[in-house]
Protein backbone atom coordinates (compact mmCIF):
# COMPACT_ATOMS: atom_id res chain seq x y z
CA UNK A 1 0.00 0.00 0.00
CA UNK A 2 1.24 3.46 -0.88
CA UNK A 3 1.51 6.15 1.80
CA UNK A 4 -1.16 8.30 0.16
CA UNK A 5 -3.71 5.45 0.31
CA UNK A 6 -2.66 4.72 3.90
CA UNK A 7 -3.24 8.35 4.85
CA UNK A 8 -6.72 8.22 3.32
CA UNK A 9 -7.59 5.12 5.35
CA UNK A 10 -6.20 6.71 8.51
CA UNK A 11 -8.29 9.83 7.84
CA UNK A 12 -11.35 7.60 7.51
CA UNK A 13 -10.41 6.04 10.86
CA UNK A 14 -10.03 9.49 12.40
CA UNK A 15 -13.47 10.48 11.11
CA UNK A 16 -14.96 7.26 12.45
CA UNK A 17 -13.27 7.85 15.79
CA UNK A 18 -14.41 11.49 15.96
CA UNK A 19 -17.98 10.37 15.38
CA UNK A 20 -17.85 7.78 18.14
CA UNK A 21 -19.03 9.52 21.31
CA UNK A 22 -17.87 6.68 23.57
CA UNK A 23 -14.47 6.03 22.02
CA UNK A 24 -13.33 9.57 21.20
CA UNK A 25 -12.76 10.54 24.86
CA UNK A 26 -10.74 7.35 25.34
CA UNK A 27 -8.52 8.27 22.39
CA UNK A 28 -8.10 11.84 23.62
CA UNK A 29 -7.24 10.63 27.11
CA UNK A 30 -4.81 7.99 25.89
CA UNK A 31 -2.96 10.33 23.55
CA UNK A 32 -3.25 13.62 25.41
CA UNK A 33 -4.57 15.18 22.21
CA UNK A 34 -7.37 17.73 22.20
CA UNK A 35 -10.17 18.03 19.67
CA UNK A 36 -8.27 21.02 18.23
CA UNK A 37 -5.24 18.75 17.79
CA UNK A 38 -7.35 16.36 15.75
CA UNK A 39 -8.08 19.10 13.24
CA UNK A 40 -4.60 20.62 13.31
CA UNK A 41 -2.68 17.38 12.97
CA UNK A 42 -4.97 15.46 10.61
CA UNK A 43 -2.52 15.94 7.73
CA UNK A 44 0.53 14.66 9.65
CA UNK A 45 1.41 11.07 8.68
CA UNK A 46 2.87 10.40 12.14
CA UNK A 47 -0.36 11.47 13.85
CA UNK A 48 -2.41 9.39 11.43
CA UNK A 49 -0.23 6.42 12.35
CA UNK A 50 -1.10 6.96 16.00
CA UNK A 51 -4.80 6.92 15.08
CA UNK A 52 -4.35 3.51 13.47
CA UNK A 53 -2.23 2.29 16.41
CA UNK A 54 -5.09 3.21 18.75
CA UNK A 55 -7.74 1.64 16.52
CA UNK A 56 -5.82 -1.63 16.36
CA UNK A 57 -5.67 -1.94 20.14
CA UNK A 58 -9.06 -3.68 20.10
CA UNK A 59 -10.32 -6.16 17.53
CA UNK A 60 -13.90 -4.99 18.08
CA UNK A 61 -12.89 -1.45 17.08
CA UNK A 62 -11.20 -2.75 13.92
CA UNK A 63 -14.26 -4.79 13.02
CA UNK A 64 -16.65 -1.88 13.63
CA UNK A 65 -14.51 0.54 11.62
CA UNK A 66 -13.92 -1.84 8.72
CA UNK A 67 -17.55 -2.94 8.57
CA UNK A 68 -18.65 0.69 8.55
CA UNK A 69 -16.23 1.59 5.76
CA UNK A 70 -16.59 -1.60 3.73
CA UNK A 71 -12.91 -2.51 4.21
CA UNK A 72 -11.22 -5.82 4.86
CA UNK A 73 -10.07 -6.36 8.43
CA UNK A 74 -6.43 -6.37 7.32
CA UNK A 75 -6.65 -2.89 5.81
CA UNK A 76 -5.80 -0.87 8.95
CA UNK A 77 -2.64 -2.93 9.52
CA UNK A 78 -1.60 -2.60 5.89
CA UNK A 79 -2.15 1.16 6.11
CA UNK A 80 -0.20 1.39 9.37
CA UNK A 81 2.82 -0.32 7.83
CA UNK A 82 2.85 2.27 5.04
CA UNK A 83 2.98 5.22 7.47
CA UNK A 84 6.04 6.47 9.38
CA UNK A 85 6.90 4.25 12.33
CA UNK A 86 4.81 1.36 11.10
CA UNK A 87 7.51 -0.94 9.74
CA UNK A 88 7.39 -4.45 11.09
CA UNK A 89 10.34 -5.38 13.27
CA UNK A 90 12.24 -8.52 12.44
CA UNK A 91 14.06 -9.92 15.43
CA UNK A 92 15.80 -12.70 13.51
PDB file of N, CA and C in Angstrom:
ATOM      1  N   UNK A   1       0.843  -1.179   0.000  1.00  0.00           N
ATOM      2  CA  UNK A   1       0.000   0.000   0.000  1.00  0.00           C
ATOM      3  C   UNK A   1       0.889   1.242   0.000  1.00  0.00           C
ATOM      4  N   UNK A   2       0.515   2.202  -0.803  1.00  0.00           N
ATOM      5  CA  UNK A   2       1.244   3.455  -0.877  1.00  0.00           C
ATOM      6  C   UNK A   2       0.859   4.361   0.297  1.00  0.00           C
ATOM      7  N   UNK A   3       1.753   5.275   0.665  1.00  0.00           N
ATOM      8  CA  UNK A   3       1.507   6.147   1.805  1.00  0.00           C
ATOM      9  C   UNK A   3       0.252   6.992   1.609  1.00  0.00           C
ATOM     10  N   UNK A   4       0.012   7.466   0.406  1.00  0.00           N
ATOM     11  CA  UNK A   4      -1.164   8.302   0.159  1.00  0.00           C
ATOM     12  C   UNK A   4      -2.457   7.532   0.459  1.00  0.00           C
ATOM     13  N   UNK A   5      -2.531   6.285   0.020  1.00  0.00           N
ATOM     14  CA  UNK A   5      -3.706   5.455   0.311  1.00  0.00           C
ATOM     15  C   UNK A   5      -3.818   5.192   1.803  1.00  0.00           C
ATOM     16  N   UNK A   6      -2.674   4.956   2.455  1.00  0.00           N
ATOM     17  CA  UNK A   6      -2.665   4.716   3.895  1.00  0.00           C
ATOM     18  C   UNK A   6      -3.169   5.943   4.645  1.00  0.00           C
ATOM     19  N   UNK A   7      -2.776   7.117   4.210  1.00  0.00           N
ATOM     20  CA  UNK A   7      -3.244   8.346   4.851  1.00  0.00           C
ATOM     21  C   UNK A   7      -4.753   8.499   4.703  1.00  0.00           C
ATOM     22  N   UNK A   8      -5.278   8.142   3.544  1.00  0.00           N
ATOM     23  CA  UNK A   8      -6.722   8.216   3.317  1.00  0.00           C
ATOM     24  C   UNK A   8      -7.463   7.288   4.267  1.00  0.00           C
ATOM     25  N   UNK A   9      -6.961   6.078   4.434  1.00  0.00           N
ATOM     26  CA  UNK A   9      -7.593   5.122   5.348  1.00  0.00           C
ATOM     27  C   UNK A   9      -7.505   5.625   6.781  1.00  0.00           C
ATOM     28  N   UNK A  10      -6.358   6.179   7.154  1.00  0.00           N
ATOM     29  CA  UNK A  10      -6.200   6.714   8.509  1.00  0.00           C
ATOM     30  C   UNK A  10      -7.137   7.902   8.739  1.00  0.00           C
ATOM     31  N   UNK A  11      -7.338   8.723   7.723  1.00  0.00           N
ATOM     32  CA  UNK A  11      -8.292   9.829   7.844  1.00  0.00           C
ATOM     33  C   UNK A  11      -9.716   9.310   8.017  1.00  0.00           C
ATOM     34  N   UNK A  12     -10.039   8.228   7.320  1.00  0.00           N
ATOM     35  CA  UNK A  12     -11.349   7.602   7.512  1.00  0.00           C
ATOM     36  C   UNK A  12     -11.480   7.108   8.953  1.00  0.00           C
ATOM     37  N   UNK A  13     -10.403   6.516   9.473  1.00  0.00           N
ATOM     38  CA  UNK A  13     -10.413   6.038  10.856  1.00  0.00           C
ATOM     39  C   UNK A  13     -10.573   7.203  11.822  1.00  0.00           C
ATOM     40  N   UNK A  14      -9.907   8.304  11.549  1.00  0.00           N
ATOM     41  CA  UNK A  14     -10.028   9.485  12.397  1.00  0.00           C
ATOM     42  C   UNK A  14     -11.459  10.013  12.378  1.00  0.00           C
ATOM     43  N   UNK A  15     -12.072  10.051  11.212  1.00  0.00           N
ATOM     44  CA  UNK A  15     -13.467  10.479  11.107  1.00  0.00           C
ATOM     45  C   UNK A  15     -14.400   9.543  11.856  1.00  0.00           C
ATOM     46  N   UNK A  16     -14.152   8.248  11.739  1.00  0.00           N
ATOM     47  CA  UNK A  16     -14.957   7.265  12.454  1.00  0.00           C
ATOM     48  C   UNK A  16     -14.794   7.456  13.962  1.00  0.00           C
ATOM     49  N   UNK A  17     -13.571   7.660  14.375  1.00  0.00           N
ATOM     50  CA  UNK A  17     -13.275   7.850  15.793  1.00  0.00           C
ATOM     51  C   UNK A  17     -13.926   9.135  16.314  1.00  0.00           C
ATOM     52  N   UNK A  18     -13.832  10.206  15.552  1.00  0.00           N
ATOM     53  CA  UNK A  18     -14.413  11.488  15.960  1.00  0.00           C
ATOM     54  C   UNK A  18     -15.929  11.405  16.085  1.00  0.00           C
ATOM     55  N   UNK A  19     -16.538  10.538  15.316  1.00  0.00           N
ATOM     56  CA  UNK A  19     -17.978  10.368  15.375  1.00  0.00           C
ATOM     57  C   UNK A  19     -18.448   9.386  16.424  1.00  0.00           C
ATOM     58  N   UNK A  20     -17.520   8.767  17.131  1.00  0.00           N
ATOM     59  CA  UNK A  20     -17.854   7.779  18.141  1.00  0.00           C
ATOM     60  C   UNK A  20     -17.802   8.444  19.518  1.00  0.00           C
ATOM     61  N   UNK A  21     -18.955   8.768  20.059  1.00  0.00           N
ATOM     62  CA  UNK A  21     -19.032   9.521  21.312  1.00  0.00           C
ATOM     63  C   UNK A  21     -18.434   8.780  22.509  1.00  0.00           C
ATOM     64  N   UNK A  22     -18.426   7.455  22.460  1.00  0.00           N
ATOM     65  CA  UNK A  22     -17.866   6.679  23.571  1.00  0.00           C
ATOM     66  C   UNK A  22     -16.359   6.523  23.446  1.00  0.00           C
ATOM     67  N   UNK A  23     -15.875   6.342  22.236  1.00  0.00           N
ATOM     68  CA  UNK A  23     -14.466   6.034  22.024  1.00  0.00           C
ATOM     69  C   UNK A  23     -13.589   7.272  21.896  1.00  0.00           C
ATOM     70  N   UNK A  24     -14.125   8.358  21.381  1.00  0.00           N
ATOM     71  CA  UNK A  24     -13.326   9.575  21.203  1.00  0.00           C
ATOM     72  C   UNK A  24     -12.686  10.047  22.506  1.00  0.00           C
ATOM     73  N   UNK A  25     -13.413  10.115  23.620  1.00  0.00           N
ATOM     74  CA  UNK A  25     -12.760  10.543  24.861  1.00  0.00           C
ATOM     75  C   UNK A  25     -11.643   9.595  25.310  1.00  0.00           C
ATOM     76  N   UNK A  26     -11.784   8.318  25.002  1.00  0.00           N
ATOM     77  CA  UNK A  26     -10.738   7.349  25.342  1.00  0.00           C
ATOM     78  C   UNK A  26      -9.482   7.648  24.535  1.00  0.00           C
ATOM     79  N   UNK A  27      -9.654   7.925  23.244  1.00  0.00           N
ATOM     80  CA  UNK A  27      -8.519   8.273  22.392  1.00  0.00           C
ATOM     81  C   UNK A  27      -7.852   9.555  22.878  1.00  0.00           C
ATOM     82  N   UNK A  28      -8.660  10.569  23.162  1.00  0.00           N
ATOM     83  CA  UNK A  28      -8.099  11.837  23.620  1.00  0.00           C
ATOM     84  C   UNK A  28      -7.354  11.652  24.939  1.00  0.00           C
ATOM     85  N   UNK A  29      -7.899  10.876  25.838  1.00  0.00           N
ATOM     86  CA  UNK A  29      -7.239  10.630  27.111  1.00  0.00           C
ATOM     87  C   UNK A  29      -5.963   9.825  26.962  1.00  0.00           C
ATOM     88  N   UNK A  30      -5.982   8.840  26.076  1.00  0.00           N
ATOM     89  CA  UNK A  30      -4.805   7.988  25.888  1.00  0.00           C
ATOM     90  C   UNK A  30      -3.660   8.717  25.203  1.00  0.00           C
ATOM     91  N   UNK A  31      -3.993   9.650  24.322  1.00  0.00           N
ATOM     92  CA  UNK A  31      -2.958  10.333  23.547  1.00  0.00           C
ATOM     93  C   UNK A  31      -2.593  11.701  24.105  1.00  0.00           C
ATOM     94  N   UNK A  32      -3.472  12.258  24.921  1.00  0.00           N
ATOM     95  CA  UNK A  32      -3.247  13.618  25.412  1.00  0.00           C
ATOM     96  C   UNK A  32      -3.600  14.672  24.376  1.00  0.00           C
ATOM     97  N   UNK A  33      -4.177  14.250  23.272  1.00  0.00           N
ATOM     98  CA  UNK A  33      -4.572  15.181  22.212  1.00  0.00           C
ATOM     99  C   UNK A  33      -5.892  15.855  22.585  1.00  0.00           C
ATOM    100  N   UNK A  34      -6.098  17.033  22.033  1.00  0.00           N
ATOM    101  CA  UNK A  34      -7.371  17.732  22.199  1.00  0.00           C
ATOM    102  C   UNK A  34      -8.138  17.620  20.882  1.00  0.00           C
ATOM    103  N   UNK A  35      -9.399  18.035  20.910  1.00  0.00           N
ATOM    104  CA  UNK A  35     -10.167  18.033  19.666  1.00  0.00           C
ATOM    105  C   UNK A  35      -9.553  18.995  18.657  1.00  0.00           C
ATOM    106  N   UNK A  36      -8.960  20.087  19.128  1.00  0.00           N
ATOM    107  CA  UNK A  36      -8.274  21.015  18.227  1.00  0.00           C
ATOM    108  C   UNK A  36      -7.062  20.341  17.584  1.00  0.00           C
ATOM    109  N   UNK A  37      -6.373  19.500  18.348  1.00  0.00           N
ATOM    110  CA  UNK A  37      -5.239  18.755  17.794  1.00  0.00           C
ATOM    111  C   UNK A  37      -5.676  17.836  16.667  1.00  0.00           C
ATOM    112  N   UNK A  38      -6.851  17.248  16.799  1.00  0.00           N
ATOM    113  CA  UNK A  38      -7.345  16.357  15.747  1.00  0.00           C
ATOM    114  C   UNK A  38      -7.428  17.097  14.422  1.00  0.00           C
ATOM    115  N   UNK A  39      -7.958  18.302  14.473  1.00  0.00           N
ATOM    116  CA  UNK A  39      -8.080  19.100  13.243  1.00  0.00           C
ATOM    117  C   UNK A  39      -6.712  19.578  12.758  1.00  0.00           C
ATOM    118  N   UNK A  40      -5.897  20.033  13.679  1.00  0.00           N
ATOM    119  CA  UNK A  40      -4.604  20.618  13.307  1.00  0.00           C
ATOM    120  C   UNK A  40      -3.612  19.582  12.799  1.00  0.00           C
ATOM    121  N   UNK A  41      -3.691  18.374  13.313  1.00  0.00           N
ATOM    122  CA  UNK A  41      -2.679  17.378  12.975  1.00  0.00           C
ATOM    123  C   UNK A  41      -3.173  16.303  12.004  1.00  0.00           C
ATOM    124  N   UNK A  42      -4.368  16.466  11.483  1.00  0.00           N
ATOM    125  CA  UNK A  42      -4.968  15.458  10.609  1.00  0.00           C
ATOM    126  C   UNK A  42      -4.184  15.215   9.325  1.00  0.00           C
ATOM    127  N   UNK A  43      -3.305  16.127   8.957  1.00  0.00           N
ATOM    128  CA  UNK A  43      -2.520  15.936   7.732  1.00  0.00           C
ATOM    129  C   UNK A  43      -1.123  15.386   8.017  1.00  0.00           C
ATOM    130  N   UNK A  44      -0.800  15.163   9.284  1.00  0.00           N
ATOM    131  CA  UNK A  44       0.530  14.661   9.648  1.00  0.00           C
ATOM    132  C   UNK A  44       0.540  13.132   9.625  1.00  0.00           C
ATOM    133  N   UNK A  45       1.371  12.531   8.768  1.00  0.00           N
ATOM    134  CA  UNK A  45       1.414  11.074   8.682  1.00  0.00           C
ATOM    135  C   UNK A  45       1.715  10.392  10.024  1.00  0.00           C
ATOM    136  N   UNK A  46       2.550  11.003  10.848  1.00  0.00           N
ATOM    137  CA  UNK A  46       2.871  10.401  12.144  1.00  0.00           C
ATOM    138  C   UNK A  46       1.642  10.358  13.048  1.00  0.00           C
ATOM    139  N   UNK A  47       0.866  11.432  13.043  1.00  0.00           N
ATOM    140  CA  UNK A  47      -0.357  11.468  13.851  1.00  0.00           C
ATOM    141  C   UNK A  47      -1.359  10.448  13.327  1.00  0.00           C
ATOM    142  N   UNK A  48      -1.491  10.363  12.016  1.00  0.00           N
ATOM    143  CA  UNK A  48      -2.414   9.392  11.428  1.00  0.00           C
ATOM    144  C   UNK A  48      -2.002   7.967  11.799  1.00  0.00           C
ATOM    145  N   UNK A  49      -0.698   7.734  11.890  1.00  0.00           N
ATOM    146  CA  UNK A  49      -0.227   6.424  12.346  1.00  0.00           C
ATOM    147  C   UNK A  49      -0.674   6.137  13.761  1.00  0.00           C
ATOM    148  N   UNK A  50      -0.662   7.160  14.617  1.00  0.00           N
ATOM    149  CA  UNK A  50      -1.097   6.960  16.000  1.00  0.00           C
ATOM    150  C   UNK A  50      -2.592   6.669  16.067  1.00  0.00           C
ATOM    151  N   UNK A  51      -3.365   7.220  15.145  1.00  0.00           N
ATOM    152  CA  UNK A  51      -4.795   6.919  15.082  1.00  0.00           C
ATOM    153  C   UNK A  51      -4.986   5.434  14.784  1.00  0.00           C
ATOM    154  N   UNK A  52      -4.234   4.930  13.810  1.00  0.00           N
ATOM    155  CA  UNK A  52      -4.350   3.512  13.470  1.00  0.00           C
ATOM    156  C   UNK A  52      -3.819   2.627  14.595  1.00  0.00           C
ATOM    157  N   UNK A  53      -2.747   3.050  15.257  1.00  0.00           N
ATOM    158  CA  UNK A  53      -2.234   2.292  16.406  1.00  0.00           C
ATOM    159  C   UNK A  53      -3.331   2.150  17.463  1.00  0.00           C
ATOM    160  N   UNK A  54      -4.017   3.241  17.759  1.00  0.00           N
ATOM    161  CA  UNK A  54      -5.090   3.212  18.746  1.00  0.00           C
ATOM    162  C   UNK A  54      -6.212   2.295  18.290  1.00  0.00           C
ATOM    163  N   UNK A  55      -6.647   2.455  17.058  1.00  0.00           N
ATOM    164  CA  UNK A  55      -7.735   1.640  16.519  1.00  0.00           C
ATOM    165  C   UNK A  55      -7.429   0.154  16.653  1.00  0.00           C
ATOM    166  N   UNK A  56      -6.184  -0.214  16.373  1.00  0.00           N
ATOM    167  CA  UNK A  56      -5.823  -1.635  16.358  1.00  0.00           C
ATOM    168  C   UNK A  56      -5.586  -2.220  17.753  1.00  0.00           C
ATOM    169  N   UNK A  57      -5.801  -1.430  18.787  1.00  0.00           N
ATOM    170  CA  UNK A  57      -5.671  -1.940  20.144  1.00  0.00           C
ATOM    171  C   UNK A  57      -6.809  -2.900  20.506  1.00  0.00           C
ATOM    172  N   UNK A  58      -7.905  -2.852  19.776  1.00  0.00           N
ATOM    173  CA  UNK A  58      -9.058  -3.683  20.102  1.00  0.00           C
ATOM    174  C   UNK A  58      -9.668  -4.230  18.812  1.00  0.00           C
ATOM    175  N   UNK A  59      -9.766  -5.539  18.726  1.00  0.00           N
ATOM    176  CA  UNK A  59     -10.317  -6.164  17.527  1.00  0.00           C
ATOM    177  C   UNK A  59     -11.738  -5.685  17.242  1.00  0.00           C
ATOM    178  N   UNK A  60     -12.520  -5.440  18.279  1.00  0.00           N
ATOM    179  CA  UNK A  60     -13.897  -4.988  18.079  1.00  0.00           C
ATOM    180  C   UNK A  60     -13.929  -3.622  17.401  1.00  0.00           C
ATOM    181  N   UNK A  61     -12.966  -2.761  17.728  1.00  0.00           N
ATOM    182  CA  UNK A  61     -12.889  -1.452  17.083  1.00  0.00           C
ATOM    183  C   UNK A  61     -12.539  -1.608  15.612  1.00  0.00           C
ATOM    184  N   UNK A  62     -11.591  -2.499  15.320  1.00  0.00           N
ATOM    185  CA  UNK A  62     -11.199  -2.748  13.924  1.00  0.00           C
ATOM    186  C   UNK A  62     -12.394  -3.255  13.132  1.00  0.00           C
ATOM    187  N   UNK A  63     -13.102  -4.219  13.699  1.00  0.00           N
ATOM    188  CA  UNK A  63     -14.262  -4.794  13.016  1.00  0.00           C
ATOM    189  C   UNK A  63     -15.325  -3.716  12.768  1.00  0.00           C
ATOM    190  N   UNK A  64     -15.626  -2.921  13.784  1.00  0.00           N
ATOM    191  CA  UNK A  64     -16.652  -1.883  13.629  1.00  0.00           C
ATOM    192  C   UNK A  64     -16.248  -0.859  12.569  1.00  0.00           C
ATOM    193  N   UNK A  65     -14.980  -0.419  12.616  1.00  0.00           N
ATOM    194  CA  UNK A  65     -14.507   0.542  11.623  1.00  0.00           C
ATOM    195  C   UNK A  65     -14.556  -0.052  10.221  1.00  0.00           C
ATOM    196  N   UNK A  66     -13.989  -1.222  10.056  1.00  0.00           N
ATOM    197  CA  UNK A  66     -13.921  -1.839   8.724  1.00  0.00           C
ATOM    198  C   UNK A  66     -15.308  -2.161   8.174  1.00  0.00           C
ATOM    199  N   UNK A  67     -16.192  -2.667   9.028  1.00  0.00           N
ATOM    200  CA  UNK A  67     -17.553  -2.944   8.569  1.00  0.00           C
ATOM    201  C   UNK A  67     -18.243  -1.652   8.137  1.00  0.00           C
ATOM    202  N   UNK A  68     -18.037  -0.589   8.879  1.00  0.00           N
ATOM    203  CA  UNK A  68     -18.649   0.691   8.546  1.00  0.00           C
ATOM    204  C   UNK A  68     -18.121   1.305   7.263  1.00  0.00           C
ATOM    205  N   UNK A  69     -16.860   1.016   6.950  1.00  0.00           N
ATOM    206  CA  UNK A  69     -16.228   1.594   5.761  1.00  0.00           C
ATOM    207  C   UNK A  69     -16.205   0.630   4.578  1.00  0.00           C
ATOM    208  N   UNK A  70     -16.620  -0.603   4.791  1.00  0.00           N
ATOM    209  CA  UNK A  70     -16.586  -1.603   3.725  1.00  0.00           C
ATOM    210  C   UNK A  70     -15.173  -2.043   3.384  1.00  0.00           C
ATOM    211  N   UNK A  71     -14.311  -2.116   4.401  1.00  0.00           N
ATOM    212  CA  UNK A  71     -12.909  -2.507   4.206  1.00  0.00           C
ATOM    213  C   UNK A  71     -12.654  -3.889   4.776  1.00  0.00           C
ATOM    214  N   UNK A  72     -11.619  -4.542   4.274  1.00  0.00           N
ATOM    215  CA  UNK A  72     -11.222  -5.820   4.859  1.00  0.00           C
ATOM    216  C   UNK A  72     -10.567  -5.552   6.206  1.00  0.00           C
ATOM    217  N   UNK A  73     -10.602  -6.543   7.076  1.00  0.00           N
ATOM    218  CA  UNK A  73     -10.074  -6.364   8.428  1.00  0.00           C
ATOM    219  C   UNK A  73      -8.559  -6.189   8.458  1.00  0.00           C
ATOM    220  N   UNK A  74      -7.887  -6.531   7.393  1.00  0.00           N
ATOM    221  CA  UNK A  74      -6.434  -6.366   7.316  1.00  0.00           C
ATOM    222  C   UNK A  74      -6.030  -4.954   6.892  1.00  0.00           C
ATOM    223  N   UNK A  75      -6.957  -4.190   6.376  1.00  0.00           N
ATOM    224  CA  UNK A  75      -6.648  -2.886   5.810  1.00  0.00           C
ATOM    225  C   UNK A  75      -5.990  -1.925   6.798  1.00  0.00           C
ATOM    226  N   UNK A  76      -6.480  -1.794   8.038  1.00  0.00           N
ATOM    227  CA  UNK A  76      -5.797  -0.871   8.952  1.00  0.00           C
ATOM    228  C   UNK A  76      -4.330  -1.230   9.194  1.00  0.00           C
ATOM    229  N   UNK A  77      -4.025  -2.518   9.312  1.00  0.00           N
ATOM    230  CA  UNK A  77      -2.637  -2.931   9.520  1.00  0.00           C
ATOM    231  C   UNK A  77      -1.800  -2.638   8.283  1.00  0.00           C
ATOM    232  N   UNK A  78      -2.340  -2.889   7.116  1.00  0.00           N
ATOM    233  CA  UNK A  78      -1.599  -2.598   5.886  1.00  0.00           C
ATOM    234  C   UNK A  78      -1.335  -1.101   5.773  1.00  0.00           C
ATOM    235  N   UNK A  79      -2.323  -0.294   6.156  1.00  0.00           N
ATOM    236  CA  UNK A  79      -2.149   1.161   6.112  1.00  0.00           C
ATOM    237  C   UNK A  79      -1.107   1.593   7.138  1.00  0.00           C
ATOM    238  N   UNK A  80      -1.138   0.996   8.311  1.00  0.00           N
ATOM    239  CA  UNK A  80      -0.196   1.390   9.371  1.00  0.00           C
ATOM    240  C   UNK A  80       1.240   1.128   8.947  1.00  0.00           C
ATOM    241  N   UNK A  81       1.472   0.024   8.281  1.00  0.00           N
ATOM    242  CA  UNK A  81       2.825  -0.322   7.829  1.00  0.00           C
ATOM    243  C   UNK A  81       3.344   0.706   6.830  1.00  0.00           C
ATOM    244  N   UNK A  82       2.448   1.308   6.069  1.00  0.00           N
ATOM    245  CA  UNK A  82       2.847   2.273   5.035  1.00  0.00           C
ATOM    246  C   UNK A  82       3.113   3.669   5.596  1.00  0.00           C
ATOM    247  N   UNK A  83       2.772   3.902   6.861  1.00  0.00           N
ATOM    248  CA  UNK A  83       2.984   5.218   7.467  1.00  0.00           C
ATOM    249  C   UNK A  83       4.243   5.220   8.315  1.00  0.00           C
ATOM    250  N   UNK A  84       4.813   6.396   8.586  1.00  0.00           N
ATOM    251  CA  UNK A  84       6.038   6.470   9.385  1.00  0.00           C
ATOM    252  C   UNK A  84       5.891   5.769  10.737  1.00  0.00           C
ATOM    253  N   UNK A  85       6.896   4.974  11.066  1.00  0.00           N
ATOM    254  CA  UNK A  85       6.903   4.253  12.334  1.00  0.00           C
ATOM    255  C   UNK A  85       6.149   2.951  12.311  1.00  0.00           C
ATOM    256  N   UNK A  86       5.634   2.561  11.175  1.00  0.00           N
ATOM    257  CA  UNK A  86       4.809   1.357  11.105  1.00  0.00           C
ATOM    258  C   UNK A  86       5.500   0.121  10.580  1.00  0.00           C
ATOM    259  N   UNK A  87       6.789   0.218  10.289  1.00  0.00           N
ATOM    260  CA  UNK A  87       7.508  -0.935   9.744  1.00  0.00           C
ATOM    261  C   UNK A  87       7.532  -2.069  10.753  1.00  0.00           C
ATOM    262  N   UNK A  88       7.332  -3.257  10.245  1.00  0.00           N
ATOM    263  CA  UNK A  88       7.388  -4.446  11.086  1.00  0.00           C
ATOM    264  C   UNK A  88       8.836  -4.722  11.505  1.00  0.00           C
ATOM    265  N   UNK A  89       9.012  -5.043  12.773  1.00  0.00           N
ATOM    266  CA  UNK A  89      10.336  -5.376  13.270  1.00  0.00           C
ATOM    267  C   UNK A  89      10.620  -6.844  13.021  1.00  0.00           C
ATOM    268  N   UNK A  90      11.794  -7.134  12.598  1.00  0.00           N
ATOM    269  CA  UNK A  90      12.239  -8.518  12.441  1.00  0.00           C
ATOM    270  C   UNK A  90      13.341  -8.779  13.432  1.00  0.00           C
ATOM    271  N   UNK A  91      13.116  -9.660  14.372  1.00  0.00           N
ATOM    272  CA  UNK A  91      14.065  -9.924  15.432  1.00  0.00           C
ATOM    273  C   UNK A  91      14.992 -11.085  15.107  1.00  0.00           C
ATOM    274  N   UNK A  92      14.919 -11.590  13.881  1.00  0.00           N
ATOM    275  CA  UNK A  92      15.803 -12.699  13.506  1.00  0.00           C
ATOM    276  C   UNK A  92      16.916 -12.229  12.621  1.00  0.00           C
TER     277      UNK A  92
END
